[in-house]
Amino acid sequence: MSDRRQQLLDAAIEVLGTRGLRALTHRAVDAAAELPEGSTSNAFRTREALIGGVLDRLVEIETEVWQRLAAGQAAAPSDPEQVTRLVAQMVLELAGPARRLTLARHAIFHEAAFHPGLQERIGAARQRLAAWGKPWLAHLGSRDPQADYLTMLALIDGLLAIQLACPDPAFDPTPSIRTALRGLAAG
């Protein structure tokens, strides 16, 4: 990805994550990126193209966050408590320091309800993320890693949605994640 394109997508994430979907315009992204008017339009001709680019960039950033948190771990650890801690750290990161990324992602999820093409892109992104999630669940004893992966995504997205809408300074996703992983491993 070119530096200019990444700069525009990061600015679009900033707009989405701080001002919401209605504020996402080509001009708003130009201003947030501190680039001349028309820069975003040159790279992303339509709003749909811009939103699709943002989705791809979010997946890239969230994958980097996960890789940073999981650095030094086995490719697929078999210790449920270790996985619980890592997933909880990811949720805390996405609800805290990376909150704007999560708000941007949830804004895109909302938009997808009205755009089948965006739904397909989200589905493809989820499958790319499943490449690391399913092996971890299989090592924990999951009998159906694909279904259990989707269950964990639903739990994580639910925990994040509640924390984004009603921030709780004492938020700790660990007990919920631990319970879910134990249940999935028990089959």
C-alpha atoms as a PDB file:
ATOM      1  CA  MET A   1       0.000   0.000   0.000  1.00  0.00           C
ATOM      2  CA  SER A   2       1.369   3.424  -0.894  1.00  0.00           C
ATOM      3  CA  ASP A   3       2.173   5.874   1.871  1.00  0.00           C
ATOM      4  CA  ARG A   4      -0.437   8.321   0.533  1.00  0.00           C
ATOM      5  CA  ARG A   5      -3.161   5.674   0.430  1.00  0.00           C
ATOM      6  CA  GLN A   6      -2.320   4.550   3.979  1.00  0.00           C
ATOM      7  CA  GLN A   7      -2.332   8.176   5.141  1.00  0.00           C
ATOM      8  CA  LEU A   8      -5.806   8.655   3.653  1.00  0.00           C
ATOM      9  CA  LEU A   9      -7.166   5.439   5.157  1.00  0.00           C
ATOM     10  CA  ASP A  10      -5.732   6.261   8.580  1.00  0.00           C
ATOM     11  CA  ALA A  11      -7.354   9.697   8.336  1.00  0.00           C
ATOM     12  CA  ALA A  12     -10.660   8.068   7.345  1.00  0.00           C
ATOM     13  CA  ILE A  13     -10.414   5.793  10.396  1.00  0.00           C
ATOM     14  CA  GLU A  14      -9.808   8.876  12.530  1.00  0.00           C
ATOM     15  CA  VAL A  15     -12.918  10.562  11.085  1.00  0.00           C
ATOM     16  CA  LEU A  16     -15.047   7.437  11.570  1.00  0.00           C
ATOM     17  CA  GLY A  17     -13.694   6.721  15.041  1.00  0.00           C
ATOM     18  CA  THR A  18     -14.070  10.257  16.356  1.00  0.00           C
ATOM     19  CA  ARG A  19     -17.046  11.692  14.473  1.00  0.00           C
ATOM     20  CA  GLY A  20     -19.013   8.744  13.105  1.00  0.00           C
ATOM     21  CA  LEU A  21     -20.165   7.517   9.728  1.00  0.00           C
ATOM     22  CA  ARG A  22     -22.170  10.596   8.799  1.00  0.00           C
ATOM     23  CA  ALA A  23     -19.001  12.685   9.012  1.00  0.00           C
ATOM     24  CA  LEU A  24     -17.098  10.431   6.600  1.00  0.00           C
ATOM     25  CA  THR A  25     -16.765  12.469   3.430  1.00  0.00           C
ATOM     26  CA  HIS A  26     -13.925  12.784   0.977  1.00  0.00           C
ATOM     27  CA  ARG A  27     -13.389  16.382   2.126  1.00  0.00           C
ATOM     28  CA  ALA A  28     -13.354  15.408   5.801  1.00  0.00           C
ATOM     29  CA  VAL A  29     -10.692  12.791   5.073  1.00  0.00           C
ATOM     30  CA  ASP A  30      -8.645  15.314   3.057  1.00  0.00           C
ATOM     31  CA  ALA A  31      -8.769  17.707   6.014  1.00  0.00           C
ATOM     32  CA  ALA A  32      -7.922  15.016   8.584  1.00  0.00           C
ATOM     33  CA  ALA A  33      -4.998  13.854   6.431  1.00  0.00           C
ATOM     34  CA  GLU A  34      -3.905  17.477   5.941  1.00  0.00           C
ATOM     35  CA  LEU A  35      -3.824  16.941   2.189  1.00  0.00           C
ATOM     36  CA  PRO A  36      -5.158  19.073  -0.656  1.00  0.00           C
ATOM     37  CA  GLU A  37      -8.859  18.854  -1.407  1.00  0.00           C
ATOM     38  CA  GLY A  38      -9.529  16.081  -3.908  1.00  0.00           C
ATOM     39  CA  SER A  39      -6.767  13.782  -2.628  1.00  0.00           C
ATOM     40  CA  THR A  40      -9.207  11.251  -1.195  1.00  0.00           C
ATOM     41  CA  SER A  41     -11.418  11.392  -4.267  1.00  0.00           C
ATOM     42  CA  ASN A  42      -8.421  10.656  -6.492  1.00  0.00           C
ATOM     43  CA  ALA A  43      -7.572   7.527  -4.505  1.00  0.00           C
ATOM     44  CA  PHE A  44     -11.130   6.400  -3.718  1.00  0.00           C
ATOM     45  CA  ARG A  45     -13.601   7.534  -6.369  1.00  0.00           C
ATOM     46  CA  THR A  46     -16.693   6.551  -4.396  1.00  0.00           C
ATOM     47  CA  ARG A  47     -17.726   6.463  -0.764  1.00  0.00           C
ATOM     48  CA  GLU A  48     -18.127   2.684  -1.136  1.00  0.00           C
ATOM     49  CA  ALA A  49     -14.510   2.365  -2.302  1.00  0.00           C
ATOM     50  CA  LEU A  50     -13.363   4.485   0.645  1.00  0.00           C
ATOM     51  CA  ILE A  51     -15.309   2.381   3.153  1.00  0.00           C
ATOM     52  CA  GLY A  52     -13.958  -0.822   1.596  1.00  0.00           C
ATOM     53  CA  GLY A  53     -10.427   0.531   1.851  1.00  0.00           C
ATOM     54  CA  VAL A  54     -11.021   1.450   5.493  1.00  0.00           C
ATOM     55  CA  LEU A  55     -12.236  -2.082   6.212  1.00  0.00           C
ATOM     56  CA  ASP A  56      -9.082  -3.572   4.687  1.00  0.00           C
ATOM     57  CA  ARG A  57      -6.891  -1.160   6.654  1.00  0.00           C
ATOM     58  CA  LEU A  58      -8.720  -1.976   9.905  1.00  0.00           C
ATOM     59  CA  VAL A  59      -8.106  -5.691   9.373  1.00  0.00           C
ATOM     60  CA  GLU A  60      -4.436  -4.942   8.733  1.00  0.00           C
ATOM     61  CA  ILE A  61      -4.087  -2.821  11.893  1.00  0.00           C
ATOM     62  CA  GLU A  62      -6.032  -5.219  14.122  1.00  0.00           C
ATOM     63  CA  THR A  63      -3.919  -8.114  12.827  1.00  0.00           C
ATOM     64  CA  GLU A  64      -0.790  -6.133  13.735  1.00  0.00           C
ATOM     65  CA  VAL A  65      -2.204  -5.516  17.231  1.00  0.00           C
ATOM     66  CA  TRP A  66      -2.900  -9.236  17.667  1.00  0.00           C
ATOM     67  CA  GLN A  67       0.565 -10.202  16.396  1.00  0.00           C
ATOM     68  CA  ARG A  68       2.169  -7.746  18.816  1.00  0.00           C
ATOM     69  CA  LEU A  69       0.177  -9.124  21.747  1.00  0.00           C
ATOM     70  CA  ALA A  70       0.787 -12.751  20.761  1.00  0.00           C
ATOM     71  CA  ALA A  71       4.490 -12.300  19.984  1.00  0.00           C
ATOM     72  CA  GLY A  72       6.514 -15.078  21.522  1.00  0.00           C
ATOM     73  CA  GLN A  73       3.515 -17.374  21.950  1.00  0.00           C
ATOM     74  CA  ALA A  74       3.295 -20.803  20.379  1.00  0.00           C
ATOM     75  CA  ALA A  75       1.659 -20.838  16.956  1.00  0.00           C
ATOM     76  CA  ALA A  76      -1.401 -22.360  18.609  1.00  0.00           C
ATOM     77  CA  PRO A  77      -1.099 -22.551  22.406  1.00  0.00           C
ATOM     78  CA  SER A  78      -2.977 -25.331  24.162  1.00  0.00           C
ATOM     79  CA  ASP A  79      -3.205 -23.629  27.566  1.00  0.00           C
ATOM     80  CA  PRO A  80      -6.736 -22.190  27.911  1.00  0.00           C
ATOM     81  CA  GLU A  81      -5.622 -19.657  30.522  1.00  0.00           C
ATOM     82  CA  GLN A  82      -2.894 -18.339  28.241  1.00  0.00           C
ATOM     83  CA  VAL A  83      -5.392 -17.924  25.389  1.00  0.00           C
ATOM     84  CA  THR A  84      -7.875 -16.298  27.784  1.00  0.00           C
ATOM     85  CA  ARG A  85      -5.263 -13.726  28.814  1.00  0.00           C
ATOM     86  CA  LEU A  86      -4.281 -12.970  25.215  1.00  0.00           C
ATOM     87  CA  VAL A  87      -7.858 -12.554  24.005  1.00  0.00           C
ATOM     88  CA  ALA A  88      -8.673 -10.403  27.051  1.00  0.00           C
ATOM     89  CA  GLN A  89      -5.632  -8.222  26.316  1.00  0.00           C
ATOM     90  CA  MET A  90      -6.843  -7.816  22.735  1.00  0.00           C
ATOM     91  CA  VAL A  91     -10.327  -6.802  23.892  1.00  0.00           C
ATOM     92  CA  LEU A  92      -8.871  -4.328  26.399  1.00  0.00           C
ATOM     93  CA  GLU A  93      -6.619  -2.868  23.700  1.00  0.00           C
ATOM     94  CA  LEU A  94      -9.546  -2.483  21.283  1.00  0.00           C
ATOM     95  CA  ALA A  95     -11.768  -0.957  23.969  1.00  0.00           C
ATOM     96  CA  GLY A  96      -9.044   1.350  25.293  1.00  0.00           C
ATOM     97  CA  PRO A  97      -6.010   2.600  23.369  1.00  0.00           C
ATOM     98  CA  ALA A  98      -7.421   1.407  20.003  1.00  0.00           C
ATOM     99  CA  ARG A  99     -10.982   2.539  20.766  1.00  0.00           C
ATOM    100  CA  ARG A 100     -11.225   4.716  17.645  1.00  0.00           C
ATOM    101  CA  LEU A 101     -10.376   1.681  15.482  1.00  0.00           C
ATOM    102  CA  THR A 102     -13.178  -0.286  17.086  1.00  0.00           C
ATOM    103  CA  LEU A 103     -15.633   2.581  16.718  1.00  0.00           C
ATOM    104  CA  ALA A 104     -14.696   2.823  13.038  1.00  0.00           C
ATOM    105  CA  ARG A 105     -15.148  -0.934  12.575  1.00  0.00           C
ATOM    106  CA  HIS A 106     -18.542  -0.887  14.252  1.00  0.00           C
ATOM    107  CA  ALA A 107     -19.600   2.048  12.061  1.00  0.00           C
ATOM    108  CA  ILE A 108     -18.693  -0.034   9.017  1.00  0.00           C
ATOM    109  CA  PHE A 109     -20.601  -3.018  10.413  1.00  0.00           C
ATOM    110  CA  HIS A 110     -23.669  -0.805  10.747  1.00  0.00           C
ATOM    111  CA  GLU A 111     -23.280   0.432   7.172  1.00  0.00           C
ATOM    112  CA  ALA A 112     -22.961  -3.171   5.951  1.00  0.00           C
ATOM    113  CA  ALA A 113     -26.520  -3.866   7.066  1.00  0.00           C
ATOM    114  CA  PHE A 114     -27.616  -1.831   4.041  1.00  0.00           C
ATOM    115  CA  HIS A 115     -24.942  -2.838   1.506  1.00  0.00           C
ATOM    116  CA  PRO A 116     -24.568  -6.496   0.444  1.00  0.00           C
ATOM    117  CA  GLY A 117     -21.203  -5.808  -1.200  1.00  0.00           C
ATOM    118  CA  LEU A 118     -19.810  -4.583   2.098  1.00  0.00           C
ATOM    119  CA  GLN A 119     -21.272  -7.639   3.843  1.00  0.00           C
ATOM    120  CA  GLU A 120     -19.284  -9.831   1.454  1.00  0.00           C
ATOM    121  CA  ARG A 121     -16.079  -7.911   2.177  1.00  0.00           C
ATOM    122  CA  ILE A 122     -16.628  -8.263   5.920  1.00  0.00           C
ATOM    123  CA  GLY A 123     -17.204 -11.998   5.461  1.00  0.00           C
ATOM    124  CA  ALA A 124     -13.947 -12.300   3.512  1.00  0.00           C
ATOM    125  CA  ALA A 125     -12.082 -10.336   6.200  1.00  0.00           C
ATOM    126  CA  ARG A 126     -13.490 -12.600   8.900  1.00  0.00           C
ATOM    127  CA  GLN A 127     -12.229 -15.628   6.998  1.00  0.00           C
ATOM    128  CA  ARG A 128      -8.730 -14.117   6.769  1.00  0.00           C
ATOM    129  CA  LEU A 129      -8.763 -13.557  10.535  1.00  0.00           C
ATOM    130  CA  ALA A 130      -9.995 -17.126  11.051  1.00  0.00           C
ATOM    131  CA  ALA A 131      -6.643 -18.353   9.732  1.00  0.00           C
ATOM    132  CA  TRP A 132      -5.104 -17.712  13.153  1.00  0.00           C
ATOM    133  CA  GLY A 133      -8.196 -18.092  15.345  1.00  0.00           C
ATOM    134  CA  LYS A 134      -9.327 -21.560  14.303  1.00  0.00           C
ATOM    135  CA  PRO A 135      -6.002 -23.346  14.957  1.00  0.00           C
ATOM    136  CA  TRP A 136      -5.901 -21.886  18.466  1.00  0.00           C
ATOM    137  CA  LEU A 137      -9.380 -23.190  19.202  1.00  0.00           C
ATOM    138  CA  ALA A 138      -8.525 -26.588  17.717  1.00  0.00           C
ATOM    139  CA  HIS A 139      -5.515 -26.841  20.055  1.00  0.00           C
ATOM    140  CA  LEU A 140      -7.807 -26.052  22.978  1.00  0.00           C
ATOM    141  CA  GLY A 141      -9.966 -29.052  22.099  1.00  0.00           C
ATOM    142  CA  SER A 142     -12.706 -27.478  19.993  1.00  0.00           C
ATOM    143  CA  ARG A 143     -14.685 -30.071  18.053  1.00  0.00           C
ATOM    144  CA  ASP A 144     -15.823 -27.449  15.538  1.00  0.00           C
ATOM    145  CA  PRO A 145     -13.193 -24.686  15.295  1.00  0.00           C
ATOM    146  CA  GLN A 146     -15.076 -22.769  12.569  1.00  0.00           C
ATOM    147  CA  ALA A 147     -18.319 -22.534  14.563  1.00  0.00           C
ATOM    148  CA  ASP A 148     -16.460 -21.882  17.802  1.00  0.00           C
ATOM    149  CA  TYR A 149     -14.398 -19.156  16.130  1.00  0.00           C
ATOM    150  CA  LEU A 150     -17.613 -17.407  15.080  1.00  0.00           C
ATOM    151  CA  THR A 151     -18.925 -17.776  18.638  1.00  0.00           C
ATOM    152  CA  MET A 152     -15.782 -16.130  20.020  1.00  0.00           C
ATOM    153  CA  LEU A 153     -16.040 -13.303  17.481  1.00  0.00           C
ATOM    154  CA  ALA A 154     -19.636 -12.706  18.543  1.00  0.00           C
ATOM    155  CA  LEU A 155     -18.615 -12.624  22.200  1.00  0.00           C
ATOM    156  CA  ILE A 156     -15.720 -10.248  21.538  1.00  0.00           C
ATOM    157  CA  ASP A 157     -17.825  -7.934  19.376  1.00  0.00           C
ATOM    158  CA  GLY A 158     -20.576  -7.943  22.008  1.00  0.00           C
ATOM    159  CA  LEU A 159     -18.157  -7.127  24.819  1.00  0.00           C
ATOM    160  CA  LEU A 160     -16.678  -4.320  22.740  1.00  0.00           C
ATOM    161  CA  ALA A 161     -20.062  -2.912  21.713  1.00  0.00           C
ATOM    162  CA  ILE A 162     -21.194  -2.676  25.329  1.00  0.00           C
ATOM    163  CA  GLN A 163     -17.912  -1.122  26.458  1.00  0.00           C
ATOM    164  CA  LEU A 164     -18.001   1.409  23.606  1.00  0.00           C
ATOM    165  CA  ALA A 165     -21.601   2.410  24.302  1.00  0.00           C
ATOM    166  CA  CYS A 166     -21.385   2.383  28.110  1.00  0.00           C
ATOM    167  CA  PRO A 167     -17.727   2.657  29.147  1.00  0.00           C
ATOM    168  CA  ASP A 168     -16.973   1.032  32.484  1.00  0.00           C
ATOM    169  CA  PRO A 169     -13.598   1.923  34.026  1.00  0.00           C
ATOM    170  CA  ALA A 170     -13.588  -1.470  35.789  1.00  0.00           C
ATOM    171  CA  PHE A 171     -14.227  -3.382  32.536  1.00  0.00           C
ATOM    172  CA  ASP A 172     -12.604  -6.830  32.587  1.00  0.00           C
ATOM    173  CA  PRO A 173     -13.521  -9.224  29.773  1.00  0.00           C
ATOM    174  CA  THR A 174     -11.461 -12.067  31.263  1.00  0.00           C
ATOM    175  CA  PRO A 175     -14.264 -13.952  33.095  1.00  0.00           C
ATOM    176  CA  SER A 176     -16.533 -13.975  30.025  1.00  0.00           C
ATOM    177  CA  ILE A 177     -13.730 -15.108  27.746  1.00  0.00           C
ATOM    178  CA  ARG A 178     -12.598 -17.789  30.193  1.00  0.00           C
ATOM    179  CA  THR A 179     -16.137 -19.168  30.501  1.00  0.00           C
ATOM    180  CA  ALA A 180     -16.615 -19.229  26.726  1.00  0.00           C
ATOM    181  CA  LEU A 181     -13.286 -20.942  26.053  1.00  0.00           C
ATOM    182  CA  ARG A 182     -13.954 -23.567  28.717  1.00  0.00           C
ATOM    183  CA  GLY A 183     -17.356 -24.260  27.209  1.00  0.00           C
ATOM    184  CA  LEU A 184     -15.964 -24.513  23.693  1.00  0.00           C
ATOM    185  CA  ALA A 185     -13.168 -26.837  24.808  1.00  0.00           C
ATOM    186  CA  ALA A 186     -15.643 -29.054  26.684  1.00  0.00           C
ATOM    187  CA  GLY A 187     -17.697 -29.341  23.525  1.00  0.00           C
END
